[in-house]
Amino acid sequence: AGVGHHVTLSIVGVDRIPGYGYYRAKLRQ
């Protein structure tokens, strides 16, 4: 569609919580 900007809402600390599945999913996003 030619969208010029994508903004994603994520979580503070998502890369500092090892082994927590939901946060791994957000990192994948």
mmCIF file of all heavy atoms, coordinates in Angstrom:
data_MODEL
# 
_entry.id   MODEL 
# 
loop_
_atom_site.group_PDB 
_atom_site.id 
_atom_site.type_symbol 
_atom_site.label_atom_id 
_atom_site.label_alt_id 
_atom_site.label_comp_id 
_atom_site.label_asym_id 
_atom_site.label_entity_id 
_atom_site.label_seq_id 
_atom_site.pdbx_PDB_ins_code 
_atom_site.Cartn_x 
_atom_site.Cartn_y 
_atom_site.Cartn_z 
_atom_site.occupancy 
_atom_site.B_iso_or_equiv 
_atom_site.pdbx_formal_charge 
_atom_site.auth_seq_id 
_atom_site.auth_comp_id 
_atom_site.auth_asym_id 
_atom_site.auth_atom_id 
_atom_site.pdbx_PDB_model_num 
ATOM 1   N N   . ALA A 1 1  ? 0.812  -1.221  0.000  1.00 0.00 ? 1  ALA A N   1 
ATOM 2   C CA  . ALA A 1 1  ? 0.000  0.000   0.000  1.00 0.00 ? 1  ALA A CA  1 
ATOM 3   C C   . ALA A 1 1  ? 0.845  1.272   0.000  1.00 0.00 ? 1  ALA A C   1 
ATOM 4   O O   . ALA A 1 1  ? 0.300  2.375   -0.103 1.00 0.00 ? 1  ALA A O   1 
ATOM 5   C CB  . ALA A 1 1  ? -0.933 -0.005  1.214  1.00 0.00 ? 1  ALA A CB  1 
ATOM 6   N N   . GLY A 1 2  ? 2.156  1.129   0.165  1.00 0.00 ? 2  GLY A N   1 
ATOM 7   C CA  . GLY A 1 2  ? 3.025  2.304   0.196  1.00 0.00 ? 2  GLY A CA  1 
ATOM 8   C C   . GLY A 1 2  ? 2.994  3.051   1.517  1.00 0.00 ? 2  GLY A C   1 
ATOM 9   O O   . GLY A 1 2  ? 3.239  4.265   1.565  1.00 0.00 ? 2  GLY A O   1 
ATOM 10  N N   . VAL A 1 3  ? 2.707  2.350   2.601  1.00 0.00 ? 3  VAL A N   1 
ATOM 11  C CA  . VAL A 1 3  ? 2.708  2.969   3.934  1.00 0.00 ? 3  VAL A CA  1 
ATOM 12  C C   . VAL A 1 3  ? 4.117  3.433   4.262  1.00 0.00 ? 3  VAL A C   1 
ATOM 13  O O   . VAL A 1 3  ? 5.100  2.716   4.047  1.00 0.00 ? 3  VAL A O   1 
ATOM 14  C CB  . VAL A 1 3  ? 2.199  1.960   4.988  1.00 0.00 ? 3  VAL A CB  1 
ATOM 15  C CG1 . VAL A 1 3  ? 2.405  2.509   6.401  1.00 0.00 ? 3  VAL A CG1 1 
ATOM 16  C CG2 . VAL A 1 3  ? 0.734  1.636   4.750  1.00 0.00 ? 3  VAL A CG2 1 
ATOM 17  N N   . GLY A 1 4  ? 4.232  4.644   4.819  1.00 0.00 ? 4  GLY A N   1 
ATOM 18  C CA  . GLY A 1 4  ? 5.547  5.225   5.049  1.00 0.00 ? 4  GLY A CA  1 
ATOM 19  C C   . GLY A 1 4  ? 6.115  5.064   6.439  1.00 0.00 ? 4  GLY A C   1 
ATOM 20  O O   . GLY A 1 4  ? 7.282  5.404   6.681  1.00 0.00 ? 4  GLY A O   1 
ATOM 21  N N   . HIS A 1 5  ? 5.322  4.534   7.381  1.00 0.00 ? 5  HIS A N   1 
ATOM 22  C CA  . HIS A 1 5  ? 5.808  4.449   8.771  1.00 0.00 ? 5  HIS A CA  1 
ATOM 23  C C   . HIS A 1 5  ? 5.018  3.367   9.502  1.00 0.00 ? 5  HIS A C   1 
ATOM 24  O O   . HIS A 1 5  ? 3.788  3.368   9.482  1.00 0.00 ? 5  HIS A O   1 
ATOM 25  C CB  . HIS A 1 5  ? 5.639  5.815   9.457  1.00 0.00 ? 5  HIS A CB  1 
ATOM 26  C CG  . HIS A 1 5  ? 6.258  5.907   10.819 1.00 0.00 ? 5  HIS A CG  1 
ATOM 27  N ND1 . HIS A 1 5  ? 6.060  7.007   11.635 1.00 0.00 ? 5  HIS A ND1 1 
ATOM 28  C CD2 . HIS A 1 5  ? 7.050  5.061   11.528 1.00 0.00 ? 5  HIS A CD2 1 
ATOM 29  C CE1 . HIS A 1 5  ? 6.710  6.835   12.763 1.00 0.00 ? 5  HIS A CE1 1 
ATOM 30  N NE2 . HIS A 1 5  ? 7.319  5.651   12.726 1.00 0.00 ? 5  HIS A NE2 1 
ATOM 31  N N   . HIS A 1 6  ? 5.743  2.449   10.120 1.00 0.00 ? 6  HIS A N   1 
ATOM 32  C CA  . HIS A 1 6  ? 5.123  1.397   10.925 1.00 0.00 ? 6  HIS A CA  1 
ATOM 33  C C   . HIS A 1 6  ? 5.558  1.594   12.373 1.00 0.00 ? 6  HIS A C   1 
ATOM 34  O O   . HIS A 1 6  ? 6.754  1.651   12.671 1.00 0.00 ? 6  HIS A O   1 
ATOM 35  C CB  . HIS A 1 6  ? 5.570  0.016   10.435 1.00 0.00 ? 6  HIS A CB  1 
ATOM 36  C CG  . HIS A 1 6  ? 5.054  -1.117  11.271 1.00 0.00 ? 6  HIS A CG  1 
ATOM 37  N ND1 . HIS A 1 6  ? 3.945  -1.862  10.932 1.00 0.00 ? 6  HIS A ND1 1 
ATOM 38  C CD2 . HIS A 1 6  ? 5.484  -1.625  12.461 1.00 0.00 ? 6  HIS A CD2 1 
ATOM 39  C CE1 . HIS A 1 6  ? 3.729  -2.780  11.857 1.00 0.00 ? 6  HIS A CE1 1 
ATOM 40  N NE2 . HIS A 1 6  ? 4.651  -2.658  12.792 1.00 0.00 ? 6  HIS A NE2 1 
ATOM 41  N N   . VAL A 1 7  ? 4.585  1.656   13.288 1.00 0.00 ? 7  VAL A N   1 
ATOM 42  C CA  . VAL A 1 7  ? 4.862  1.851   14.716 1.00 0.00 ? 7  VAL A CA  1 
ATOM 43  C C   . VAL A 1 7  ? 4.383  0.614   15.480 1.00 0.00 ? 7  VAL A C   1 
ATOM 44  O O   . VAL A 1 7  ? 3.209  0.238   15.366 1.00 0.00 ? 7  VAL A O   1 
ATOM 45  C CB  . VAL A 1 7  ? 4.156  3.104   15.269 1.00 0.00 ? 7  VAL A CB  1 
ATOM 46  C CG1 . VAL A 1 7  ? 4.482  3.287   16.757 1.00 0.00 ? 7  VAL A CG1 1 
ATOM 47  C CG2 . VAL A 1 7  ? 4.558  4.337   14.482 1.00 0.00 ? 7  VAL A CG2 1 
ATOM 48  N N   . THR A 1 8  ? 5.268  -0.001  16.230 1.00 0.00 ? 8  THR A N   1 
ATOM 49  C CA  . THR A 1 8  ? 4.912  -1.192  17.007 1.00 0.00 ? 8  THR A CA  1 
ATOM 50  C C   . THR A 1 8  ? 5.021  -0.898  18.496 1.00 0.00 ? 8  THR A C   1 
ATOM 51  O O   . THR A 1 8  ? 6.010  -0.321  18.960 1.00 0.00 ? 8  THR A O   1 
ATOM 52  C CB  . THR A 1 8  ? 5.836  -2.374  16.662 1.00 0.00 ? 8  THR A CB  1 
ATOM 53  O OG1 . THR A 1 8  ? 5.530  -2.839  15.348 1.00 0.00 ? 8  THR A OG1 1 
ATOM 54  C CG2 . THR A 1 8  ? 5.648  -3.532  17.631 1.00 0.00 ? 8  THR A CG2 1 
ATOM 55  N N   . LEU A 1 9  ? 4.013  -1.310  19.241 1.00 0.00 ? 9  LEU A N   1 
ATOM 56  C CA  . LEU A 1 9  ? 4.042  -1.223  20.706 1.00 0.00 ? 9  LEU A CA  1 
ATOM 57  C C   . LEU A 1 9  ? 4.666  -2.494  21.263 1.00 0.00 ? 9  LEU A C   1 
ATOM 58  O O   . LEU A 1 9  ? 4.210  -3.600  20.980 1.00 0.00 ? 9  LEU A O   1 
ATOM 59  C CB  . LEU A 1 9  ? 2.629  -1.052  21.255 1.00 0.00 ? 9  LEU A CB  1 
ATOM 60  C CG  . LEU A 1 9  ? 2.499  -1.099  22.796 1.00 0.00 ? 9  LEU A CG  1 
ATOM 61  C CD1 . LEU A 1 9  ? 3.281  0.026   23.442 1.00 0.00 ? 9  LEU A CD1 1 
ATOM 62  C CD2 . LEU A 1 9  ? 1.031  -1.043  23.189 1.00 0.00 ? 9  LEU A CD2 1 
ATOM 63  N N   . SER A 1 10 ? 5.721  -2.325  22.055 1.00 0.00 ? 10 SER A N   1 
ATOM 64  C CA  . SER A 1 10 ? 6.374  -3.467  22.676 1.00 0.00 ? 10 SER A CA  1 
ATOM 65  C C   . SER A 1 10 ? 6.496  -3.226  24.187 1.00 0.00 ? 10 SER A C   1 
ATOM 66  O O   . SER A 1 10 ? 5.814  -2.351  24.730 1.00 0.00 ? 10 SER A O   1 
ATOM 67  C CB  . SER A 1 10 ? 7.743  -3.728  22.031 1.00 0.00 ? 10 SER A CB  1 
ATOM 68  O OG  . SER A 1 10 ? 8.252  -4.989  22.429 1.00 0.00 ? 10 SER A OG  1 
ATOM 69  N N   . ILE A 1 11 ? 7.350  -3.990  24.854 1.00 0.00 ? 11 ILE A N   1 
ATOM 70  C CA  . ILE A 1 11 ? 7.393  -3.994  26.318 1.00 0.00 ? 11 ILE A CA  1 
ATOM 71  C C   . ILE A 1 11 ? 8.791  -3.662  26.818 1.00 0.00 ? 11 ILE A C   1 
ATOM 72  O O   . ILE A 1 11 ? 9.783  -4.245  26.354 1.00 0.00 ? 11 ILE A O   1 
ATOM 73  C CB  . ILE A 1 11 ? 6.973  -5.373  26.873 1.00 0.00 ? 11 ILE A CB  1 
ATOM 74  C CG1 . ILE A 1 11 ? 5.614  -5.790  26.318 1.00 0.00 ? 11 ILE A CG1 1 
ATOM 75  C CG2 . ILE A 1 11 ? 6.946  -5.365  28.402 1.00 0.00 ? 11 ILE A CG2 1 
ATOM 76  C CD1 . ILE A 1 11 ? 5.274  -7.246  26.598 1.00 0.00 ? 11 ILE A CD1 1 
ATOM 77  N N   . VAL A 1 12 ? 8.893  -2.779  27.784 1.00 0.00 ? 12 VAL A N   1 
ATOM 78  C CA  . VAL A 1 12 ? 10.166 -2.472  28.435 1.00 0.00 ? 12 VAL A CA  1 
ATOM 79  C C   . VAL A 1 12 ? 10.701 -3.744  29.096 1.00 0.00 ? 12 VAL A C   1 
ATOM 80  O O   . VAL A 1 12 ? 9.981  -4.450  29.802 1.00 0.00 ? 12 VAL A O   1 
ATOM 81  C CB  . VAL A 1 12 ? 9.985  -1.359  29.488 1.00 0.00 ? 12 VAL A CB  1 
ATOM 82  C CG1 . VAL A 1 12 ? 11.227 -1.261  30.380 1.00 0.00 ? 12 VAL A CG1 1 
ATOM 83  C CG2 . VAL A 1 12 ? 9.711  -0.024  28.817 1.00 0.00 ? 12 VAL A CG2 1 
ATOM 84  N N   . GLY A 1 13 ? 11.964 -4.043  28.855 1.00 0.00 ? 13 GLY A N   1 
ATOM 85  C CA  . GLY A 1 13 ? 12.595 -5.211  29.456 1.00 0.00 ? 13 GLY A CA  1 
ATOM 86  C C   . GLY A 1 13 ? 12.374 -6.502  28.705 1.00 0.00 ? 13 GLY A C   1 
ATOM 87  O O   . GLY A 1 13 ? 12.788 -7.569  29.172 1.00 0.00 ? 13 GLY A O   1 
ATOM 88  N N   . VAL A 1 14 ? 11.735 -6.439  27.535 1.00 0.00 ? 14 VAL A N   1 
ATOM 89  C CA  . VAL A 1 14 ? 11.389 -7.660  26.801 1.00 0.00 ? 14 VAL A CA  1 
ATOM 90  C C   . VAL A 1 14 ? 12.637 -8.476  26.437 1.00 0.00 ? 14 VAL A C   1 
ATOM 91  O O   . VAL A 1 14 ? 12.561 -9.696  26.274 1.00 0.00 ? 14 VAL A O   1 
ATOM 92  C CB  . VAL A 1 14 ? 10.574 -7.296  25.542 1.00 0.00 ? 14 VAL A CB  1 
ATOM 93  C CG1 . VAL A 1 14 ? 11.440 -6.620  24.501 1.00 0.00 ? 14 VAL A CG1 1 
ATOM 94  C CG2 . VAL A 1 14 ? 9.873  -8.501  24.970 1.00 0.00 ? 14 VAL A CG2 1 
ATOM 95  N N   . ASP A 1 15 ? 13.780 -7.813  26.336 1.00 0.00 ? 15 ASP A N   1 
ATOM 96  C CA  . ASP A 1 15 ? 15.025 -8.501  26.002 1.00 0.00 ? 15 ASP A CA  1 
ATOM 97  C C   . ASP A 1 15 ? 15.866 -8.810  27.239 1.00 0.00 ? 15 ASP A C   1 
ATOM 98  O O   . ASP A 1 15 ? 17.007 -9.264  27.120 1.00 0.00 ? 15 ASP A O   1 
ATOM 99  C CB  . ASP A 1 15 ? 15.838 -7.660  25.014 1.00 0.00 ? 15 ASP A CB  1 
ATOM 100 C CG  . ASP A 1 15 ? 16.060 -6.244  25.496 1.00 0.00 ? 15 ASP A CG  1 
ATOM 101 O OD1 . ASP A 1 15 ? 15.449 -5.831  26.508 1.00 0.00 ? 15 ASP A OD1 1 
ATOM 102 O OD2 . ASP A 1 15 ? 16.841 -5.515  24.855 1.00 0.00 ? 15 ASP A OD2 1 
ATOM 103 N N   . ARG A 1 16 ? 15.299 -8.578  28.425 1.00 0.00 ? 16 ARG A N   1 
ATOM 104 C CA  . ARG A 1 16 ? 16.053 -8.820  29.663 1.00 0.00 ? 16 ARG A CA  1 
ATOM 105 C C   . ARG A 1 16 ? 15.409 -9.883  30.549 1.00 0.00 ? 16 ARG A C   1 
ATOM 106 O O   . ARG A 1 16 ? 15.815 -10.051 31.696 1.00 0.00 ? 16 ARG A O   1 
ATOM 107 C CB  . ARG A 1 16 ? 16.198 -7.501  30.447 1.00 0.00 ? 16 ARG A CB  1 
ATOM 108 C CG  . ARG A 1 16 ? 16.934 -6.403  29.694 1.00 0.00 ? 16 ARG A CG  1 
ATOM 109 C CD  . ARG A 1 16 ? 17.344 -5.269  30.615 1.00 0.00 ? 16 ARG A CD  1 
ATOM 110 N NE  . ARG A 1 16 ? 16.221 -4.548  31.169 1.00 0.00 ? 16 ARG A NE  1 
ATOM 111 C CZ  . ARG A 1 16 ? 15.691 -3.448  30.622 1.00 0.00 ? 16 ARG A CZ  1 
ATOM 112 N NH1 . ARG A 1 16 ? 16.194 -2.987  29.485 1.00 0.00 ? 16 ARG A NH1 1 
ATOM 113 N NH2 . ARG A 1 16 ? 14.683 -2.821  31.191 1.00 0.00 ? 16 ARG A NH2 1 
ATOM 114 N N   . ILE A 1 17 ? 14.387 -10.576 30.028 1.00 0.00 ? 17 ILE A N   1 
ATOM 115 C CA  . ILE A 1 17 ? 13.704 -11.619 30.787 1.00 0.00 ? 17 ILE A CA  1 
ATOM 116 C C   . ILE A 1 17 ? 13.955 -12.951 30.079 1.00 0.00 ? 17 ILE A C   1 
ATOM 117 O O   . ILE A 1 17 ? 13.221 -13.324 29.156 1.00 0.00 ? 17 ILE A O   1 
ATOM 118 C CB  . ILE A 1 17 ? 12.190 -11.359 30.890 1.00 0.00 ? 17 ILE A CB  1 
ATOM 119 C CG1 . ILE A 1 17 ? 11.906 -9.951  31.396 1.00 0.00 ? 17 ILE A CG1 1 
ATOM 120 C CG2 . ILE A 1 17 ? 11.530 -12.395 31.786 1.00 0.00 ? 17 ILE A CG2 1 
ATOM 121 C CD1 . ILE A 1 17 ? 12.341 -9.704  32.830 1.00 0.00 ? 17 ILE A CD1 1 
ATOM 122 N N   . PRO A 1 18 ? 14.974 -13.690 30.466 1.00 0.00 ? 18 PRO A N   1 
ATOM 123 C CA  . PRO A 1 18 ? 15.309 -14.930 29.750 1.00 0.00 ? 18 PRO A CA  1 
ATOM 124 C C   . PRO A 1 18 ? 14.286 -16.039 30.008 1.00 0.00 ? 18 PRO A C   1 
ATOM 125 O O   . PRO A 1 18 ? 13.781 -16.198 31.117 1.00 0.00 ? 18 PRO A O   1 
ATOM 126 C CB  . PRO A 1 18 ? 16.680 -15.306 30.336 1.00 0.00 ? 18 PRO A CB  1 
ATOM 127 C CG  . PRO A 1 18 ? 16.686 -14.697 31.710 1.00 0.00 ? 18 PRO A CG  1 
ATOM 128 C CD  . PRO A 1 18 ? 15.894 -13.416 31.581 1.00 0.00 ? 18 PRO A CD  1 
ATOM 129 N N   . GLY A 1 19 ? 13.957 -16.761 28.952 1.00 0.00 ? 19 GLY A N   1 
ATOM 130 C CA  . GLY A 1 19 ? 13.144 -17.954 29.109 1.00 0.00 ? 19 GLY A CA  1 
ATOM 131 C C   . GLY A 1 19 ? 11.657 -17.738 29.288 1.00 0.00 ? 19 GLY A C   1 
ATOM 132 O O   . GLY A 1 19 ? 10.927 -18.681 29.593 1.00 0.00 ? 19 GLY A O   1 
ATOM 133 N N   . TYR A 1 20 ? 11.159 -16.513 29.099 1.00 0.00 ? 20 TYR A N   1 
ATOM 134 C CA  . TYR A 1 20 ? 9.730  -16.258 29.258 1.00 0.00 ? 20 TYR A CA  1 
ATOM 135 C C   . TYR A 1 20 ? 9.095  -16.210 27.875 1.00 0.00 ? 20 TYR A C   1 
ATOM 136 O O   . TYR A 1 20 ? 9.392  -15.322 27.074 1.00 0.00 ? 20 TYR A O   1 
ATOM 137 C CB  . TYR A 1 20 ? 9.505  -14.957 30.018 1.00 0.00 ? 20 TYR A CB  1 
ATOM 138 C CG  . TYR A 1 20 ? 8.063  -14.679 30.384 1.00 0.00 ? 20 TYR A CG  1 
ATOM 139 C CD1 . TYR A 1 20 ? 7.301  -15.623 31.054 1.00 0.00 ? 20 TYR A CD1 1 
ATOM 140 C CD2 . TYR A 1 20 ? 7.455  -13.469 30.051 1.00 0.00 ? 20 TYR A CD2 1 
ATOM 141 C CE1 . TYR A 1 20 ? 5.978  -15.375 31.392 1.00 0.00 ? 20 TYR A CE1 1 
ATOM 142 C CE2 . TYR A 1 20 ? 6.139  -13.210 30.394 1.00 0.00 ? 20 TYR A CE2 1 
ATOM 143 C CZ  . TYR A 1 20 ? 5.407  -14.172 31.057 1.00 0.00 ? 20 TYR A CZ  1 
ATOM 144 O OH  . TYR A 1 20 ? 4.095  -13.933 31.387 1.00 0.00 ? 20 TYR A OH  1 
ATOM 145 N N   . GLY A 1 21 ? 8.216  -17.168 27.572 1.00 0.00 ? 21 GLY A N   1 
ATOM 146 C CA  . GLY A 1 21 ? 7.723  -17.378 26.230 1.00 0.00 ? 21 GLY A CA  1 
ATOM 147 C C   . GLY A 1 21 ? 7.045  -16.187 25.580 1.00 0.00 ? 21 GLY A C   1 
ATOM 148 O O   . GLY A 1 21 ? 7.278  -15.895 24.402 1.00 0.00 ? 21 GLY A O   1 
ATOM 149 N N   . TYR A 1 22 ? 6.188  -15.475 26.327 1.00 0.00 ? 22 TYR A N   1 
ATOM 150 C CA  . TYR A 1 22 ? 5.467  -14.348 25.738 1.00 0.00 ? 22 TYR A CA  1 
ATOM 151 C C   . TYR A 1 22 ? 6.447  -13.252 25.305 1.00 0.00 ? 22 TYR A C   1 
ATOM 152 O O   . TYR A 1 22 ? 6.278  -12.636 24.244 1.00 0.00 ? 22 TYR A O   1 
ATOM 153 C CB  . TYR A 1 22 ? 4.451  -13.786 26.732 1.00 0.00 ? 22 TYR A CB  1 
ATOM 154 C CG  . TYR A 1 22 ? 3.657  -12.626 26.179 1.00 0.00 ? 22 TYR A CG  1 
ATOM 155 C CD1 . TYR A 1 22 ? 2.589  -12.836 25.318 1.00 0.00 ? 22 TYR A CD1 1 
ATOM 156 C CD2 . TYR A 1 22 ? 3.989  -11.306 26.497 1.00 0.00 ? 22 TYR A CD2 1 
ATOM 157 C CE1 . TYR A 1 22 ? 1.871  -11.770 24.789 1.00 0.00 ? 22 TYR A CE1 1 
ATOM 158 C CE2 . TYR A 1 22 ? 3.277  -10.242 25.983 1.00 0.00 ? 22 TYR A CE2 1 
ATOM 159 C CZ  . TYR A 1 22 ? 2.220  -10.484 25.127 1.00 0.00 ? 22 TYR A CZ  1 
ATOM 160 O OH  . TYR A 1 22 ? 1.519  -9.428  24.605 1.00 0.00 ? 22 TYR A OH  1 
ATOM 161 N N   . TYR A 1 23 ? 7.477  -13.033 26.107 1.00 0.00 ? 23 TYR A N   1 
ATOM 162 C CA  . TYR A 1 23 ? 8.448  -12.002 25.751 1.00 0.00 ? 23 TYR A CA  1 
ATOM 163 C C   . TYR A 1 23 ? 9.282  -12.424 24.540 1.00 0.00 ? 23 TYR A C   1 
ATOM 164 O O   . TYR A 1 23 ? 9.678  -11.588 23.726 1.00 0.00 ? 23 TYR A O   1 
ATOM 165 C CB  . TYR A 1 23 ? 9.345  -11.690 26.941 1.00 0.00 ? 23 TYR A CB  1 
ATOM 166 C CG  . TYR A 1 23 ? 8.693  -10.808 27.984 1.00 0.00 ? 23 TYR A CG  1 
ATOM 167 C CD1 . TYR A 1 23 ? 7.316  -10.591 27.974 1.00 0.00 ? 23 TYR A CD1 1 
ATOM 168 C CD2 . TYR A 1 23 ? 9.433  -10.194 28.979 1.00 0.00 ? 23 TYR A CD2 1 
ATOM 169 C CE1 . TYR A 1 23 ? 6.712  -9.792  28.913 1.00 0.00 ? 23 TYR A CE1 1 
ATOM 170 C CE2 . TYR A 1 23 ? 8.828  -9.381  29.940 1.00 0.00 ? 23 TYR A CE2 1 
ATOM 171 C CZ  . TYR A 1 23 ? 7.470  -9.192  29.896 1.00 0.00 ? 23 TYR A CZ  1 
ATOM 172 O OH  . TYR A 1 23 ? 6.865  -8.396  30.839 1.00 0.00 ? 23 TYR A OH  1 
ATOM 173 N N   . ARG A 1 24 ? 9.563  -13.708 24.424 1.00 0.00 ? 24 ARG A N   1 
ATOM 174 C CA  . ARG A 1 24 ? 10.237 -14.189 23.217 1.00 0.00 ? 24 ARG A CA  1 
ATOM 175 C C   . ARG A 1 24 ? 9.386  -13.897 21.979 1.00 0.00 ? 24 ARG A C   1 
ATOM 176 O O   . ARG A 1 24 ? 9.904  -13.549 20.915 1.00 0.00 ? 24 ARG A O   1 
ATOM 177 C CB  . ARG A 1 24 ? 10.495 -15.687 23.329 1.00 0.00 ? 24 ARG A CB  1 
ATOM 178 C CG  . ARG A 1 24 ? 11.636 -16.072 24.259 1.00 0.00 ? 24 ARG A CG  1 
ATOM 179 C CD  . ARG A 1 24 ? 11.774 -17.577 24.328 1.00 0.00 ? 24 ARG A CD  1 
ATOM 180 N NE  . ARG A 1 24 ? 12.887 -17.983 25.163 1.00 0.00 ? 24 ARG A NE  1 
ATOM 181 C CZ  . ARG A 1 24 ? 13.130 -19.246 25.508 1.00 0.00 ? 24 ARG A CZ  1 
ATOM 182 N NH1 . ARG A 1 24 ? 12.331 -20.208 25.075 1.00 0.00 ? 24 ARG A NH1 1 
ATOM 183 N NH2 . ARG A 1 24 ? 14.166 -19.546 26.282 1.00 0.00 ? 24 ARG A NH2 1 
ATOM 184 N N   . ALA A 1 25 ? 8.080  -14.061 22.131 1.00 0.00 ? 25 ALA A N   1 
ATOM 185 C CA  . ALA A 1 25 ? 7.177  -13.785 21.014 1.00 0.00 ? 25 ALA A CA  1 
ATOM 186 C C   . ALA A 1 25 ? 7.199  -12.304 20.649 1.00 0.00 ? 25 ALA A C   1 
ATOM 187 O O   . ALA A 1 25 ? 7.181  -11.940 19.463 1.00 0.00 ? 25 ALA A O   1 
ATOM 188 C CB  . ALA A 1 25 ? 5.763  -14.224 21.372 1.00 0.00 ? 25 ALA A CB  1 
ATOM 189 N N   . LYS A 1 26 ? 7.235  -11.431 21.644 1.00 0.00 ? 26 LYS A N   1 
ATOM 190 C CA  . LYS A 1 26 ? 7.298  -9.992  21.363 1.00 0.00 ? 26 LYS A CA  1 
ATOM 191 C C   . LYS A 1 26 ? 8.630  -9.623  20.698 1.00 0.00 ? 26 LYS A C   1 
ATOM 192 O O   . LYS A 1 26 ? 8.671  -8.757  19.819 1.00 0.00 ? 26 LYS A O   1 
ATOM 193 C CB  . LYS A 1 26 ? 7.117  -9.194  22.664 1.00 0.00 ? 26 LYS A CB  1 
ATOM 194 C CG  . LYS A 1 26 ? 5.711  -9.236  23.226 1.00 0.00 ? 26 LYS A CG  1 
ATOM 195 C CD  . LYS A 1 26 ? 4.690  -8.565  22.310 1.00 0.00 ? 26 LYS A CD  1 
ATOM 196 C CE  . LYS A 1 26 ? 4.868  -7.067  22.240 1.00 0.00 ? 26 LYS A CE  1 
ATOM 197 N NZ  . LYS A 1 26 ? 3.830  -6.426  21.382 1.00 0.00 ? 26 LYS A NZ  1 
ATOM 198 N N   . LEU A 1 27 ? 9.706  -10.291 21.102 1.00 0.00 ? 27 LEU A N   1 
ATOM 199 C CA  . LEU A 1 27 ? 10.987 -10.046 20.440 1.00 0.00 ? 27 LEU A CA  1 
ATOM 200 C C   . LEU A 1 27 ? 10.938 -10.480 18.980 1.00 0.00 ? 27 LEU A C   1 
ATOM 201 O O   . LEU A 1 27 ? 11.509 -9.826  18.103 1.00 0.00 ? 27 LEU A O   1 
ATOM 202 C CB  . LEU A 1 27 ? 12.111 -10.790 21.168 1.00 0.00 ? 27 LEU A CB  1 
ATOM 203 C CG  . LEU A 1 27 ? 12.646 -10.124 22.435 1.00 0.00 ? 27 LEU A CG  1 
ATOM 204 C CD1 . LEU A 1 27 ? 13.660 -11.029 23.125 1.00 0.00 ? 27 LEU A CD1 1 
ATOM 205 C CD2 . LEU A 1 27 ? 13.290 -8.775  22.118 1.00 0.00 ? 27 LEU A CD2 1 
ATOM 206 N N   . ARG A 1 28 ? 10.242 -11.585 18.716 1.00 0.00 ? 28 ARG A N   1 
ATOM 207 C CA  . ARG A 1 28 ? 10.072 -12.033 17.335 1.00 0.00 ? 28 ARG A CA  1 
ATOM 208 C C   . ARG A 1 28 ? 9.320  -10.974 16.539 1.00 0.00 ? 28 ARG A C   1 
ATOM 209 O O   . ARG A 1 28 ? 9.655  -10.683 15.375 1.00 0.00 ? 28 ARG A O   1 
ATOM 210 C CB  . ARG A 1 28 ? 9.314  -13.364 17.317 1.00 0.00 ? 28 ARG A CB  1 
ATOM 211 C CG  . ARG A 1 28 ? 8.956  -13.868 15.931 1.00 0.00 ? 28 ARG A CG  1 
ATOM 212 C CD  . ARG A 1 28 ? 10.183 -14.109 15.089 1.00 0.00 ? 28 ARG A CD  1 
ATOM 213 N NE  . ARG A 1 28 ? 9.833  -14.627 13.776 1.00 0.00 ? 28 ARG A NE  1 
ATOM 214 C CZ  . ARG A 1 28 ? 10.508 -14.355 12.669 1.00 0.00 ? 28 ARG A CZ  1 
ATOM 215 N NH1 . ARG A 1 28 ? 11.589 -13.590 12.713 1.00 0.00 ? 28 ARG A NH1 1 
ATOM 216 N NH2 . ARG A 1 28 ? 10.137 -14.869 11.518 1.00 0.00 ? 28 ARG A NH2 1 
ATOM 217 N N   . GLN A 1 29 ? 8.312  -10.376 17.144 1.00 0.00 ? 29 GLN A N   1 
ATOM 218 C CA  . GLN A 1 29 ? 7.562  -9.306  16.494 1.00 0.00 ? 29 GLN A CA  1 
ATOM 219 C C   . GLN A 1 29 ? 8.489  -8.139  16.166 1.00 0.00 ? 29 GLN A C   1 
ATOM 220 O O   . GLN A 1 29 ? 8.446  -7.582  15.050 1.00 0.00 ? 29 GLN A O   1 
ATOM 221 C CB  . GLN A 1 29 ? 6.431  -8.840  17.398 1.00 0.00 ? 29 GLN A CB  1 
ATOM 222 C CG  . GLN A 1 29 ? 5.552  -7.753  16.798 1.00 0.00 ? 29 GLN A CG  1 
ATOM 223 C CD  . GLN A 1 29 ? 4.565  -7.191  17.803 1.00 0.00 ? 29 GLN A CD  1 
ATOM 224 O OE1 . GLN A 1 29 ? 4.859  -7.085  18.994 1.00 0.00 ? 29 GLN A OE1 1 
ATOM 225 N NE2 . GLN A 1 29 ? 3.378  -6.855  17.334 1.00 0.00 ? 29 GLN A NE2 1 
# 
